[in-house]
Amino acid sequence: MLRIIDARTGESVVAAPVRRGLTRVEAHASGYGTGTLRVLLVADLVVRVLELGGTSVLPVLTGEREQAELRAAATTLGVRPFEDARDLSGGFGEAQTVHVAGEGAATTAEGVRVPVAAVRPDDLGGADPDPAALRLALLSHHHRAPAPLDTAALHEAATTLARWRRAVADWARSPSRPVPDDLRGRLRTAWEDDLDLPAVLSVLRSVEEAGPRLPDGARFETYAYADRLLGLELTRDLGAPA
C-alpha cells in the first residue's frame, strides 16, 4: 500500500485509503522544462504504483502553458497519457485525489500533496539525451531531493541502462525462475515507502552483483517485474545477438 509524505502536513499518509474506489492523480505542470517533465514523471510513478496495488486510477494533467510540447516530451520519456483536466466533467466519484506539483507551487485543492524538487539545471542547453537515460537519471534521485542533471549524470545513466539491457537479454536465455520472495518484498517495500526509487534501483544493483547464488532466470524475472514501475524497457534487447 503506497504511503506518501504529504507536503501539507509532513506526515506519512496512505495515498489510496479506499482501494476499490477511484483515485485521481493530478499532475500540476505548466510550461515546458525538465523540471515540469519531472513532475509528470513522478505522477506517472504514483499511477503505476497504485495500479500495481490494484487501485483504479484517473491520471489528469492541469496546466495552462505549453501543454502540447510538455505532453509530447513526456510521451518520449515513457510517461503514459494523462487526461486533460479541462475536458473532464464531475461525477467520477473519486475516493481520493493525489496532487503532484513542483516544490513550492501553489495549490489549495483538497487531497494528498506530493512535492517534486527542482532539476538543476532545468534547461539541458540544447542537449538531446536518450529519453530512457534521462528517465533513469531522474529516477536516481528521490522526488523530494533536487536532481542534478549534467553530462556526467546522463552518461552514467546511459551506461547503466545499456549494461542492464544486455544483462537482461543474456539472463533471458536461461530457464525462467520466479522472483524470489525476499526480492519482491524489498522492491514493493521501497516503492510503497514514499516512492523510494533510489532504493528500488539499489535492489536491482544487488541482483546484478549477486553472482551464481541467484539463478539467471530469477534475475531476469526480477528486472522485468521492477520495470513495470520503472518503465525503462529493460527487456527491449531480448532476442538480440549475443
Protein backbone atom coordinates (compact mmCIF):
# COMPACT_ATOMS: atom_id res chain seq x y z
CA MET A 1 0.00 0.00 0.00
CA LEU A 2 1.58 3.26 -1.14
CA ARG A 3 2.30 5.74 1.63
CA ILE A 4 3.30 9.31 0.78
CA ILE A 5 4.76 12.14 2.85
CA ASP A 6 2.00 14.74 2.48
CA ALA A 7 3.64 18.12 1.84
CA ARG A 8 0.78 19.89 3.63
CA THR A 9 1.33 18.13 6.97
CA GLY A 10 4.74 16.46 6.72
CA GLU A 11 3.12 13.20 7.78
CA SER A 12 3.03 9.84 6.05
CA VAL A 13 -0.44 9.05 4.71
CA VAL A 14 -1.99 6.29 2.61
CA ALA A 15 -2.27 7.53 -0.98
CA ALA A 16 -5.38 5.46 -1.73
CA PRO A 17 -7.20 4.59 1.53
CA VAL A 18 -10.16 3.12 -0.38
CA ARG A 19 -8.57 0.57 -2.70
CA ARG A 20 -11.78 -0.23 -4.55
CA GLY A 21 -12.51 3.44 -5.17
CA LEU A 22 -11.17 5.57 -8.00
CA THR A 23 -8.10 7.64 -7.13
CA ARG A 24 -7.42 10.80 -9.12
CA VAL A 25 -3.73 11.57 -9.67
CA GLU A 26 -3.44 15.19 -10.78
CA ALA A 27 -0.15 16.50 -12.18
CA HIS A 28 0.17 20.28 -11.91
CA ALA A 29 2.63 21.22 -14.65
CA SER A 30 2.65 24.36 -16.75
CA GLY A 31 5.38 25.37 -19.20
CA TYR A 32 7.97 23.18 -20.84
CA GLY A 33 11.18 22.28 -19.00
CA THR A 34 12.99 19.36 -17.41
CA GLY A 35 11.52 20.34 -14.04
CA THR A 36 7.94 20.12 -15.28
CA LEU A 37 8.80 16.85 -17.03
CA ARG A 38 9.94 15.54 -13.66
CA VAL A 39 6.55 16.44 -12.19
CA LEU A 40 4.84 14.32 -14.85
CA LEU A 41 7.33 11.50 -14.32
CA VAL A 42 6.63 11.41 -10.57
CA ALA A 43 2.88 11.47 -11.25
CA ASP A 44 3.39 8.57 -13.67
CA LEU A 45 5.18 6.64 -10.92
CA VAL A 46 2.32 7.29 -8.48
CA VAL A 47 -0.13 5.94 -11.06
CA ARG A 48 1.98 2.84 -11.70
CA VAL A 49 2.44 2.02 -8.01
CA LEU A 50 -1.27 2.40 -7.31
CA GLU A 51 -2.17 0.21 -10.28
CA LEU A 52 0.33 -2.44 -9.20
CA GLY A 53 -1.51 -2.47 -5.87
CA GLY A 54 -4.88 -2.98 -7.58
CA THR A 55 -6.20 0.61 -7.33
CA SER A 56 -8.16 2.17 -10.20
CA VAL A 57 -6.58 5.48 -11.20
CA LEU A 58 -7.63 8.54 -13.21
CA PRO A 59 -4.47 10.43 -14.30
CA VAL A 60 -5.11 14.12 -15.01
CA LEU A 61 -2.87 16.96 -16.22
CA THR A 62 -3.58 20.51 -15.05
CA GLY A 63 -1.74 23.46 -16.52
CA GLU A 64 -2.01 26.37 -18.92
CA ARG A 65 1.26 26.91 -20.81
CA GLU A 66 2.99 24.78 -23.46
CA GLN A 67 0.84 21.75 -22.75
CA ALA A 68 1.26 20.22 -26.22
CA GLU A 69 5.04 20.43 -26.01
CA LEU A 70 5.02 19.05 -22.48
CA ARG A 71 2.79 16.12 -23.41
CA ALA A 72 4.95 15.26 -26.43
CA ALA A 73 8.15 15.31 -24.38
CA ALA A 74 6.53 13.27 -21.60
CA THR A 75 5.45 10.60 -24.08
CA THR A 76 9.03 10.37 -25.35
CA LEU A 77 10.15 9.98 -21.73
CA GLY A 78 7.85 6.98 -21.30
CA VAL A 79 5.16 8.79 -19.31
CA ARG A 80 1.76 7.36 -20.10
CA PRO A 81 -1.04 9.71 -21.26
CA PHE A 82 -2.91 11.98 -18.84
CA GLU A 83 -6.42 13.26 -19.29
CA ASP A 84 -6.85 17.00 -19.74
CA ALA A 85 -8.47 18.50 -16.64
CA ARG A 86 -10.40 20.95 -18.84
CA ASP A 87 -12.05 18.09 -20.70
CA LEU A 88 -13.33 16.35 -17.59
CA SER A 89 -16.69 16.99 -16.02
CA GLY A 90 -17.62 15.96 -12.49
CA GLY A 91 -19.24 12.75 -11.47
CA PHE A 92 -16.30 10.33 -11.44
CA GLY A 93 -16.71 9.83 -7.70
CA GLU A 94 -13.02 9.76 -6.79
CA ALA A 95 -12.37 8.41 -3.31
CA GLN A 96 -9.08 10.29 -3.08
CA THR A 97 -7.04 12.85 -5.00
CA VAL A 98 -3.24 12.92 -5.09
CA HIS A 99 -1.75 16.22 -6.29
CA VAL A 100 1.76 16.11 -7.77
CA ALA A 101 3.36 19.54 -8.17
CA GLY A 102 6.68 21.29 -8.18
CA GLU A 103 8.04 22.13 -4.75
CA GLY A 104 6.57 25.42 -3.60
CA ALA A 105 3.88 25.51 -6.28
CA ALA A 106 0.60 26.91 -5.01
CA THR A 107 -2.44 24.67 -4.93
CA THR A 108 -5.34 24.87 -2.50
CA ALA A 109 -7.08 21.73 -3.70
CA GLU A 110 -8.02 19.06 -1.17
CA GLY A 111 -6.10 15.81 -1.16
CA VAL A 112 -2.60 14.44 -0.65
CA ARG A 113 0.17 16.72 -1.92
CA VAL A 114 3.34 15.18 -3.42
CA PRO A 115 6.16 17.75 -3.81
CA VAL A 116 8.68 17.38 -6.62
CA ALA A 117 12.03 19.11 -6.15
CA ALA A 118 13.75 21.04 -8.90
CA VAL A 119 16.03 19.73 -11.64
CA ARG A 120 19.35 21.54 -11.83
CA PRO A 121 19.78 22.87 -14.43
CA ASP A 122 16.20 22.94 -15.70
CA ASP A 123 17.39 23.61 -19.25
CA LEU A 124 19.71 20.99 -20.77
CA GLY A 125 21.22 23.64 -23.01
CA GLY A 126 20.35 22.04 -26.34
CA ALA A 127 21.47 18.56 -25.30
CA ASP A 128 19.34 15.75 -26.69
CA PRO A 129 19.84 12.78 -24.34
CA ASP A 130 18.39 9.34 -24.88
CA PRO A 131 14.93 9.57 -23.25
CA ALA A 132 15.35 6.32 -21.30
CA ALA A 133 18.72 7.50 -19.97
CA LEU A 134 17.12 10.81 -18.93
CA ARG A 135 14.33 8.89 -17.21
CA LEU A 136 16.86 6.74 -15.32
CA ALA A 137 18.90 9.79 -14.35
CA LEU A 138 15.78 11.41 -12.85
CA LEU A 139 14.72 8.18 -11.12
CA SER A 140 18.11 8.03 -9.41
CA HIS A 141 17.09 10.83 -7.03
CA HIS A 142 14.20 10.84 -4.58
CA HIS A 143 11.41 13.12 -5.77
CA ARG A 144 11.80 15.33 -2.68
CA ALA A 145 15.51 15.88 -3.41
CA PRO A 146 16.91 18.14 -6.15
CA ALA A 147 18.04 16.22 -9.23
CA PRO A 148 21.43 17.43 -10.52
CA LEU A 149 21.47 16.77 -14.24
CA ASP A 150 24.64 17.21 -16.26
CA THR A 151 26.62 15.42 -18.95
CA ALA A 152 28.25 13.08 -16.44
CA ALA A 153 24.91 12.05 -14.87
CA LEU A 154 23.36 11.38 -18.27
CA HIS A 155 26.42 9.39 -19.41
CA GLU A 156 26.33 7.27 -16.25
CA ALA A 157 22.62 6.60 -16.73
CA ALA A 158 23.08 5.64 -20.39
CA THR A 159 25.96 3.29 -19.49
CA THR A 160 23.96 1.63 -16.72
CA LEU A 161 20.90 1.27 -18.94
CA ALA A 162 22.89 -0.35 -21.77
CA ARG A 163 24.58 -2.74 -19.33
CA TRP A 164 21.29 -3.75 -17.71
CA ARG A 165 19.58 -4.33 -21.07
CA ARG A 166 22.46 -6.57 -22.20
CA ALA A 167 22.35 -8.48 -18.92
CA VAL A 168 18.56 -8.95 -19.10
CA ALA A 169 18.87 -10.26 -22.66
CA ASP A 170 21.58 -12.72 -21.52
CA TRP A 171 19.59 -13.85 -18.47
CA ALA A 172 16.53 -14.47 -20.65
CA ARG A 173 18.39 -17.33 -22.37
CA SER A 174 18.25 -19.36 -19.12
CA PRO A 175 15.17 -21.19 -17.81
CA SER A 176 12.76 -18.82 -16.10
CA ARG A 177 12.61 -18.78 -12.31
CA PRO A 178 10.11 -16.89 -10.13
CA VAL A 179 11.06 -13.63 -8.50
CA PRO A 180 12.42 -14.62 -5.06
CA ASP A 181 10.02 -13.60 -2.29
CA ASP A 182 12.63 -11.53 -0.48
CA LEU A 183 13.45 -9.52 -3.60
CA ARG A 184 9.79 -8.97 -4.43
CA GLY A 185 9.24 -7.79 -0.86
CA ARG A 186 12.22 -5.41 -0.95
CA LEU A 187 11.05 -3.88 -4.23
CA ARG A 188 7.48 -3.35 -3.04
CA THR A 189 8.62 -2.00 0.33
CA ALA A 190 10.85 0.52 -1.45
CA TRP A 191 8.34 1.83 -3.95
CA GLU A 192 5.47 1.87 -1.47
CA ASP A 193 7.56 3.90 1.02
CA ASP A 194 7.13 7.42 -0.35
CA LEU A 195 8.19 6.33 -3.84
CA ASP A 196 11.77 5.47 -2.85
CA LEU A 197 13.04 4.87 -6.38
CA PRO A 198 16.74 5.07 -5.43
CA ALA A 199 16.09 2.09 -3.12
CA VAL A 200 14.41 0.21 -5.99
CA LEU A 201 17.47 0.80 -8.17
CA SER A 202 19.68 -0.35 -5.30
CA VAL A 203 17.82 -3.68 -5.23
CA LEU A 204 18.47 -4.11 -8.96
CA ARG A 205 22.17 -3.40 -8.48
CA SER A 206 22.31 -6.06 -5.76
CA VAL A 207 20.66 -8.54 -8.15
CA GLU A 208 23.19 -7.67 -10.85
CA GLU A 209 26.07 -8.30 -8.43
CA ALA A 210 24.59 -11.41 -6.77
CA GLY A 211 26.76 -13.89 -8.66
CA PRO A 212 25.90 -17.56 -9.18
CA ARG A 213 23.90 -17.85 -5.96
CA LEU A 214 20.94 -16.26 -7.81
CA PRO A 215 19.82 -18.11 -10.99
CA ASP A 216 19.84 -16.04 -14.16
CA GLY A 217 16.18 -16.85 -14.77
CA ALA A 218 15.28 -15.27 -11.41
CA ARG A 219 17.38 -12.22 -12.22
CA PHE A 220 15.51 -11.79 -15.50
CA GLU A 221 12.10 -12.03 -13.85
CA THR A 222 13.14 -9.62 -11.07
CA TYR A 223 14.22 -6.96 -13.58
CA ALA A 224 11.09 -7.49 -15.70
CA TYR A 225 8.91 -7.16 -12.59
CA ALA A 226 10.64 -3.96 -11.43
CA ASP A 227 10.37 -2.49 -14.92
CA ARG A 228 6.58 -2.48 -14.63
CA LEU A 229 7.23 0.52 -12.40
CA LEU A 230 10.47 1.89 -13.81
CA GLY A 231 9.33 1.98 -17.45
CA LEU A 232 12.92 1.69 -18.76
CA GLU A 233 12.25 -1.02 -21.38
CA LEU A 234 14.81 -3.28 -19.72
CA THR A 235 13.63 -6.24 -21.83
CA ARG A 236 13.98 -4.34 -25.11
CA ASP A 237 17.02 -6.28 -26.35
CA LEU A 238 15.56 -9.76 -25.91
CA GLY A 239 16.48 -11.88 -28.91
CA ALA A 240 19.33 -9.63 -29.99
CA PRO A 241 22.61 -11.36 -30.99
CA ALA A 242 24.83 -12.12 -28.01
